Amino acid sequence: MRLFYTSNSPYARIGVTTLELNLGKQVQMQKVTVRDPNSYLLNYNPTGKVPTLETNDGIYDTLS
Protein backbone atom coordinates (compact mmCIF):
# COMPACT_ATOMS: atom_id res chain seq x y z
CA MET A 1 0.00 0.00 0.00
CA ARG A 2 1.01 3.57 -0.52
CA LEU A 3 -0.25 6.65 1.33
CA PHE A 4 0.06 9.96 -0.51
CA TYR A 5 0.27 12.95 1.86
CA THR A 6 1.52 16.51 2.32
CA SER A 7 3.20 17.71 5.50
CA ASN A 8 0.98 20.80 5.76
CA SER A 9 -2.31 18.90 5.43
CA PRO A 10 -4.53 18.85 8.51
CA TYR A 11 -4.91 15.15 7.72
CA ALA A 12 -1.16 14.47 7.95
CA ARG A 13 -1.79 12.84 11.32
CA ILE A 14 -2.90 9.76 9.35
CA GLY A 15 0.78 9.24 8.57
CA VAL A 16 1.64 9.54 12.26
CA THR A 17 -1.04 6.97 13.06
CA THR A 18 0.49 4.65 10.47
CA LEU A 19 3.84 4.91 12.23
CA GLU A 20 2.33 4.56 15.72
CA LEU A 21 0.55 1.37 14.69
CA ASN A 22 3.87 0.04 13.36
CA LEU A 23 2.53 -0.25 9.81
CA GLY A 24 5.62 1.30 8.23
CA LYS A 25 6.57 -1.94 6.47
CA GLN A 26 3.10 -2.32 4.97
CA VAL A 27 2.41 1.30 4.01
CA GLN A 28 4.83 3.31 1.89
CA MET A 29 4.55 7.04 2.66
CA GLN A 30 4.71 9.20 -0.49
CA LYS A 31 5.01 12.95 0.08
CA VAL A 32 3.44 14.88 -2.81
CA THR A 33 2.69 18.44 -3.90
CA VAL A 34 -0.93 19.46 -4.33
CA ARG A 35 -2.23 22.21 -6.63
CA ASP A 36 0.61 21.50 -9.03
CA PRO A 37 -0.37 20.37 -12.54
CA ASN A 38 2.78 18.22 -12.64
CA SER A 39 2.19 16.56 -9.26
CA TYR A 40 2.83 12.82 -9.12
CA LEU A 41 -0.40 12.49 -7.12
CA LEU A 42 -2.54 13.34 -10.15
CA ASN A 43 -1.57 10.01 -11.72
CA TYR A 44 -3.44 8.30 -8.89
CA ASN A 45 -6.06 10.83 -7.85
CA PRO A 46 -7.17 13.35 -10.49
CA THR A 47 -8.83 15.51 -7.83
CA GLY A 48 -5.45 16.02 -6.12
CA LYS A 49 -6.83 15.38 -2.63
CA VAL A 50 -4.74 14.07 0.23
CA PRO A 51 -4.57 11.74 1.92
CA THR A 52 -4.99 9.21 -0.87
CA LEU A 53 -4.40 5.54 -0.19
CA GLU A 54 -3.42 3.19 -2.97
CA THR A 55 -4.12 -0.46 -2.17
CA ASN A 56 -3.90 -3.65 -4.20
CA ASP A 57 -7.66 -3.32 -4.74
CA GLY A 58 -7.68 0.28 -5.93
CA ILE A 59 -7.42 3.90 -4.86
CA TYR A 60 -9.18 5.44 -1.89
CA ASP A 61 -9.17 9.19 -1.38
CA THR A 62 -10.28 11.41 1.45
CA LEU A 63 -13.98 12.12 1.96
CA SER A 64 -13.39 15.86 2.32
PDB file of N, CA and C in Angstrom:
ATOM      1  N   MET A   1       0.842  -1.179   0.000  1.00  0.00           N
ATOM      2  CA  MET A   1       0.000   0.000   0.000  1.00  0.00           C
ATOM      3  C   MET A   1       0.880   1.232   0.000  1.00  0.00           C
ATOM      4  N   ARG A   2       0.300   2.304  -0.502  1.00  0.00           N
ATOM      5  CA  ARG A   2       1.014   3.572  -0.522  1.00  0.00           C
ATOM      6  C   ARG A   2       0.060   4.673  -0.072  1.00  0.00           C
ATOM      7  N   LEU A   3       0.537   5.530   0.836  1.00  0.00           N
ATOM      8  CA  LEU A   3      -0.246   6.650   1.331  1.00  0.00           C
ATOM      9  C   LEU A   3       0.369   7.947   0.823  1.00  0.00           C
ATOM     10  N   PHE A   4      -0.381   8.665   0.002  1.00  0.00           N
ATOM     11  CA  PHE A   4       0.056   9.960  -0.506  1.00  0.00           C
ATOM     12  C   PHE A   4      -0.362  11.035   0.497  1.00  0.00           C
ATOM     13  N   TYR A   5       0.555  11.935   0.852  1.00  0.00           N
ATOM     14  CA  TYR A   5       0.271  12.952   1.856  1.00  0.00           C
ATOM     15  C   TYR A   5       1.075  14.214   1.590  1.00  0.00           C
ATOM     16  N   THR A   6       0.710  15.291   2.273  1.00  0.00           N
ATOM     17  CA  THR A   6       1.517  16.507   2.320  1.00  0.00           C
ATOM     18  C   THR A   6       1.752  16.829   3.785  1.00  0.00           C
ATOM     19  N   SER A   7       2.877  17.426   4.094  1.00  0.00           N
ATOM     20  CA  SER A   7       3.195  17.710   5.497  1.00  0.00           C
ATOM     21  C   SER A   7       2.332  18.818   6.081  1.00  0.00           C
ATOM     22  N   ASN A   8       1.796  19.697   5.242  1.00  0.00           N
ATOM     23  CA  ASN A   8       0.982  20.797   5.764  1.00  0.00           C
ATOM     24  C   ASN A   8      -0.512  20.499   5.748  1.00  0.00           C
ATOM     25  N   SER A   9      -0.893  19.284   5.429  1.00  0.00           N
ATOM     26  CA  SER A   9      -2.305  18.898   5.425  1.00  0.00           C
ATOM     27  C   SER A   9      -2.783  18.678   6.856  1.00  0.00           C
ATOM     28  N   PRO A  10      -4.001  19.141   7.176  1.00  0.00           N
ATOM     29  CA  PRO A  10      -4.528  18.846   8.508  1.00  0.00           C
ATOM     30  C   PRO A  10      -4.751  17.351   8.708  1.00  0.00           C
ATOM     31  N   TYR A  11      -4.723  16.593   7.633  1.00  0.00           N
ATOM     32  CA  TYR A  11      -4.909  15.149   7.717  1.00  0.00           C
ATOM     33  C   TYR A  11      -3.580  14.402   7.768  1.00  0.00           C
ATOM     34  N   ALA A  12      -2.479  15.109   7.903  1.00  0.00           N
ATOM     35  CA  ALA A  12      -1.161  14.471   7.946  1.00  0.00           C
ATOM     36  C   ALA A  12      -1.025  13.544   9.141  1.00  0.00           C
ATOM     37  N   ARG A  13      -1.852  13.718  10.151  1.00  0.00           N
ATOM     38  CA  ARG A  13      -1.788  12.840  11.317  1.00  0.00           C
ATOM     39  C   ARG A  13      -2.073  11.378  10.958  1.00  0.00           C
ATOM     40  N   ILE A  14      -2.690  11.148   9.800  1.00  0.00           N
ATOM     41  CA  ILE A  14      -2.903   9.765   9.353  1.00  0.00           C
ATOM     42  C   ILE A  14      -1.553   9.070   9.187  1.00  0.00           C
ATOM     43  N   GLY A  15      -0.565   9.800   8.695  1.00  0.00           N
ATOM     44  CA  GLY A  15       0.781   9.243   8.571  1.00  0.00           C
ATOM     45  C   GLY A  15       1.384   8.927   9.922  1.00  0.00           C
ATOM     46  N   VAL A  16       1.142   9.791  10.902  1.00  0.00           N
ATOM     47  CA  VAL A  16       1.635   9.545  12.256  1.00  0.00           C
ATOM     48  C   VAL A  16       0.973   8.299  12.824  1.00  0.00           C
ATOM     49  N   THR A  17      -0.313   8.157  12.599  1.00  0.00           N
ATOM     50  CA  THR A  17      -1.037   6.972  13.062  1.00  0.00           C
ATOM     51  C   THR A  17      -0.464   5.711  12.431  1.00  0.00           C
ATOM     52  N   THR A  18      -0.123   5.789  11.163  1.00  0.00           N
ATOM     53  CA  THR A  18       0.490   4.652  10.475  1.00  0.00           C
ATOM     54  C   THR A  18       1.777   4.234  11.169  1.00  0.00           C
ATOM     55  N   LEU A  19       2.588   5.211  11.542  1.00  0.00           N
ATOM     56  CA  LEU A  19       3.840   4.905  12.228  1.00  0.00           C
ATOM     57  C   LEU A  19       3.590   4.375  13.640  1.00  0.00           C
ATOM     58  N   GLU A  20       2.644   4.983  14.349  1.00  0.00           N
ATOM     59  CA  GLU A  20       2.334   4.556  15.717  1.00  0.00           C
ATOM     60  C   GLU A  20       1.808   3.125  15.765  1.00  0.00           C
ATOM     61  N   LEU A  21       1.081   2.727  14.741  1.00  0.00           N
ATOM     62  CA  LEU A  21       0.554   1.366  14.691  1.00  0.00           C
ATOM     63  C   LEU A  21       1.561   0.376  14.112  1.00  0.00           C
ATOM     64  N   ASN A  22       2.784   0.875  13.869  1.00  0.00           N
ATOM     65  CA  ASN A  22       3.872   0.043  13.356  1.00  0.00           C
ATOM     66  C   ASN A  22       3.524  -0.578  12.002  1.00  0.00           C
ATOM     67  N   LEU A  23       2.906   0.221  11.143  1.00  0.00           N
ATOM     68  CA  LEU A  23       2.532  -0.251   9.809  1.00  0.00           C
ATOM     69  C   LEU A  23       3.511   0.236   8.736  1.00  0.00           C
ATOM     70  N   GLY A  24       4.650   0.741   9.157  1.00  0.00           N
ATOM     71  CA  GLY A  24       5.624   1.297   8.230  1.00  0.00           C
ATOM     72  C   GLY A  24       6.109   0.331   7.165  1.00  0.00           C
ATOM     73  N   LYS A  25       6.127  -0.951   7.458  1.00  0.00           N
ATOM     74  CA  LYS A  25       6.569  -1.939   6.472  1.00  0.00           C
ATOM     75  C   LYS A  25       5.473  -2.265   5.470  1.00  0.00           C
ATOM     76  N   GLN A  26       4.225  -2.005   5.841  1.00  0.00           N
ATOM     77  CA  GLN A  26       3.097  -2.321   4.967  1.00  0.00           C
ATOM     78  C   GLN A  26       2.632  -1.120   4.151  1.00  0.00           C
ATOM     79  N   VAL A  27       2.896   0.089   4.666  1.00  0.00           N
ATOM     80  CA  VAL A  27       2.412   1.300   4.011  1.00  0.00           C
ATOM     81  C   VAL A  27       3.596   2.184   3.645  1.00  0.00           C
ATOM     82  N   GLN A  28       3.778   2.406   2.364  1.00  0.00           N
ATOM     83  CA  GLN A  28       4.826   3.307   1.889  1.00  0.00           C
ATOM     84  C   GLN A  28       4.271   4.727   1.924  1.00  0.00           C
ATOM     85  N   MET A  29       4.976   5.641   2.581  1.00  0.00           N
ATOM     86  CA  MET A  29       4.553   7.036   2.664  1.00  0.00           C
ATOM     87  C   MET A  29       5.134   7.790   1.467  1.00  0.00           C
ATOM     88  N   GLN A  30       4.288   8.469   0.706  1.00  0.00           N
ATOM     89  CA  GLN A  30       4.708   9.199  -0.490  1.00  0.00           C
ATOM     90  C   GLN A  30       4.302  10.661  -0.331  1.00  0.00           C
ATOM     91  N   LYS A  31       5.273  11.522  -0.049  1.00  0.00           N
ATOM     92  CA  LYS A  31       5.007  12.952   0.080  1.00  0.00           C
ATOM     93  C   LYS A  31       4.824  13.534  -1.320  1.00  0.00           C
ATOM     94  N   VAL A  32       3.757  14.312  -1.509  1.00  0.00           N
ATOM     95  CA  VAL A  32       3.436  14.883  -2.811  1.00  0.00           C
ATOM     96  C   VAL A  32       3.133  16.373  -2.686  1.00  0.00           C
ATOM     97  N   THR A  33       3.062  17.028  -3.824  1.00  0.00           N
ATOM     98  CA  THR A  33       2.688  18.438  -3.896  1.00  0.00           C
ATOM     99  C   THR A  33       1.288  18.524  -4.478  1.00  0.00           C
ATOM    100  N   VAL A  34       0.420  19.268  -3.801  1.00  0.00           N
ATOM    101  CA  VAL A  34      -0.932  19.460  -4.326  1.00  0.00           C
ATOM    102  C   VAL A  34      -0.994  20.811  -5.039  1.00  0.00           C
ATOM    103  N   ARG A  35      -2.020  20.990  -5.836  1.00  0.00           N
ATOM    104  CA  ARG A  35      -2.227  22.209  -6.628  1.00  0.00           C
ATOM    105  C   ARG A  35      -1.069  22.473  -7.595  1.00  0.00           C
ATOM    106  N   ASP A  36      -0.456  21.413  -8.040  1.00  0.00           N
ATOM    107  CA  ASP A  36       0.615  21.501  -9.025  1.00  0.00           C
ATOM    108  C   ASP A  36       0.210  20.616 -10.196  1.00  0.00           C
ATOM    109  N   PRO A  37       0.068  21.178 -11.400  1.00  0.00           N
ATOM    110  CA  PRO A  37      -0.372  20.367 -12.536  1.00  0.00           C
ATOM    111  C   PRO A  37       0.588  19.233 -12.887  1.00  0.00           C
ATOM    112  N   ASN A  38       1.806  19.274 -12.372  1.00  0.00           N
ATOM    113  CA  ASN A  38       2.783  18.216 -12.640  1.00  0.00           C
ATOM    114  C   ASN A  38       2.950  17.260 -11.455  1.00  0.00           C
ATOM    115  N   SER A  39       2.071  17.372 -10.466  1.00  0.00           N
ATOM    116  CA  SER A  39       2.189  16.558  -9.263  1.00  0.00           C
ATOM    117  C   SER A  39       2.034  15.076  -9.588  1.00  0.00           C
ATOM    118  N   TYR A  40       2.871  14.276  -8.979  1.00  0.00           N
ATOM    119  CA  TYR A  40       2.831  12.820  -9.118  1.00  0.00           C
ATOM    120  C   TYR A  40       1.492  12.260  -8.642  1.00  0.00           C
ATOM    121  N   LEU A  41       0.879  12.925  -7.678  1.00  0.00           N
ATOM    122  CA  LEU A  41      -0.402  12.493  -7.118  1.00  0.00           C
ATOM    123  C   LEU A  41      -1.494  12.418  -8.171  1.00  0.00           C
ATOM    124  N   LEU A  42      -1.482  13.293  -9.140  1.00  0.00           N
ATOM    125  CA  LEU A  42      -2.537  13.336 -10.146  1.00  0.00           C
ATOM    126  C   LEU A  42      -2.608  12.078 -10.994  1.00  0.00           C
ATOM    127  N   ASN A  43      -1.542  11.302 -11.024  1.00  0.00           N
ATOM    128  CA  ASN A  43      -1.567  10.009 -11.716  1.00  0.00           C
ATOM    129  C   ASN A  43      -2.466   9.018 -10.993  1.00  0.00           C
ATOM    130  N   TYR A  44      -2.667   9.227  -9.710  1.00  0.00           N
ATOM    131  CA  TYR A  44      -3.437   8.298  -8.894  1.00  0.00           C
ATOM    132  C   TYR A  44      -4.770   8.874  -8.440  1.00  0.00           C
ATOM    133  N   ASN A  45      -4.835  10.177  -8.287  1.00  0.00           N
ATOM    134  CA  ASN A  45      -6.061  10.833  -7.851  1.00  0.00           C
ATOM    135  C   ASN A  45      -6.213  12.138  -8.620  1.00  0.00           C
ATOM    136  N   PRO A  46      -7.030  12.165  -9.653  1.00  0.00           N
ATOM    137  CA  PRO A  46      -7.166  13.355 -10.490  1.00  0.00           C
ATOM    138  C   PRO A  46      -7.703  14.578  -9.757  1.00  0.00           C
ATOM    139  N   THR A  47      -8.334  14.369  -8.597  1.00  0.00           N
ATOM    140  CA  THR A  47      -8.825  15.514  -7.827  1.00  0.00           C
ATOM    141  C   THR A  47      -7.715  16.162  -7.023  1.00  0.00           C
ATOM    142  N   GLY A  48      -6.594  15.462  -6.838  1.00  0.00           N
ATOM    143  CA  GLY A  48      -5.450  16.015  -6.117  1.00  0.00           C
ATOM    144  C   GLY A  48      -5.635  16.081  -4.614  1.00  0.00           C
ATOM    145  N   LYS A  49      -6.588  15.336  -4.067  1.00  0.00           N
ATOM    146  CA  LYS A  49      -6.833  15.379  -2.628  1.00  0.00           C
ATOM    147  C   LYS A  49      -5.877  14.458  -1.876  1.00  0.00           C
ATOM    148  N   VAL A  50      -5.525  14.901  -0.678  1.00  0.00           N
ATOM    149  CA  VAL A  50      -4.737  14.073   0.232  1.00  0.00           C
ATOM    150  C   VAL A  50      -5.473  13.986   1.554  1.00  0.00           C
ATOM    151  N   PRO A  51      -5.339  12.920   2.275  1.00  0.00           N
ATOM    152  CA  PRO A  51      -4.567  11.744   1.923  1.00  0.00           C
ATOM    153  C   PRO A  51      -5.277  10.894   0.872  1.00  0.00           C
ATOM    154  N   THR A  52      -4.499  10.208   0.086  1.00  0.00           N
ATOM    155  CA  THR A  52      -4.992   9.215  -0.867  1.00  0.00           C
ATOM    156  C   THR A  52      -4.254   7.922  -0.573  1.00  0.00           C
ATOM    157  N   LEU A  53      -4.993   6.847  -0.473  1.00  0.00           N
ATOM    158  CA  LEU A  53      -4.404   5.545  -0.187  1.00  0.00           C
ATOM    159  C   LEU A  53      -4.546   4.655  -1.403  1.00  0.00           C
ATOM    160  N   GLU A  54      -3.424   4.152  -1.871  1.00  0.00           N
ATOM    161  CA  GLU A  54      -3.415   3.185  -2.969  1.00  0.00           C
ATOM    162  C   GLU A  54      -3.256   1.797  -2.359  1.00  0.00           C
ATOM    163  N   THR A  55      -4.194   0.917  -2.657  1.00  0.00           N
ATOM    164  CA  THR A  55      -4.117  -0.461  -2.167  1.00  0.00           C
ATOM    165  C   THR A  55      -4.029  -1.390  -3.373  1.00  0.00           C
ATOM    166  N   ASN A  56      -3.903  -2.667  -3.108  1.00  0.00           N
ATOM    167  CA  ASN A  56      -3.902  -3.648  -4.200  1.00  0.00           C
ATOM    168  C   ASN A  56      -5.251  -3.701  -4.900  1.00  0.00           C
ATOM    169  N   ASP A  57      -6.304  -3.283  -4.198  1.00  0.00           N
ATOM    170  CA  ASP A  57      -7.659  -3.324  -4.745  1.00  0.00           C
ATOM    171  C   ASP A  57      -8.061  -2.040  -5.451  1.00  0.00           C
ATOM    172  N   GLY A  58      -7.309  -0.981  -5.282  1.00  0.00           N
ATOM    173  CA  GLY A  58      -7.684   0.277  -5.930  1.00  0.00           C
ATOM    174  C   GLY A  58      -7.196   1.479  -5.150  1.00  0.00           C
ATOM    175  N   ILE A  59      -7.789   2.632  -5.444  1.00  0.00           N
ATOM    176  CA  ILE A  59      -7.417   3.901  -4.859  1.00  0.00           C
ATOM    177  C   ILE A  59      -8.558   4.394  -3.981  1.00  0.00           C
ATOM    178  N   TYR A  60      -8.204   4.879  -2.801  1.00  0.00           N
ATOM    179  CA  TYR A  60      -9.184   5.443  -1.889  1.00  0.00           C
ATOM    180  C   TYR A  60      -8.715   6.836  -1.509  1.00  0.00           C
ATOM    181  N   ASP A  61      -9.567   7.835  -1.745  1.00  0.00           N
ATOM    182  CA  ASP A  61      -9.167   9.190  -1.377  1.00  0.00           C
ATOM    183  C   ASP A  61      -9.965   9.653  -0.178  1.00  0.00           C
ATOM    184  N   THR A  62      -9.619  10.834   0.296  1.00  0.00           N
ATOM    185  CA  THR A  62     -10.281  11.414   1.447  1.00  0.00           C
ATOM    186  C   THR A  62     -11.728  11.754   1.129  1.00  0.00           C
ATOM    187  N   LEU A  63     -12.567  11.774   2.141  1.00  0.00           N
ATOM    188  CA  LEU A  63     -13.980  12.116   1.957  1.00  0.00           C
ATOM    189  C   LEU A  63     -14.217  13.616   1.959  1.00  0.00           C
ATOM    190  N   SER A  64     -13.201  14.409   2.272  1.00  0.00           N
ATOM    191  CA  SER A  64     -13.390  15.859   2.324  1.00  0.00           C
ATOM    192  C   SER A  64     -13.357  16.487   0.950  1.00  0.00           C
TER     193      SER A  64
END
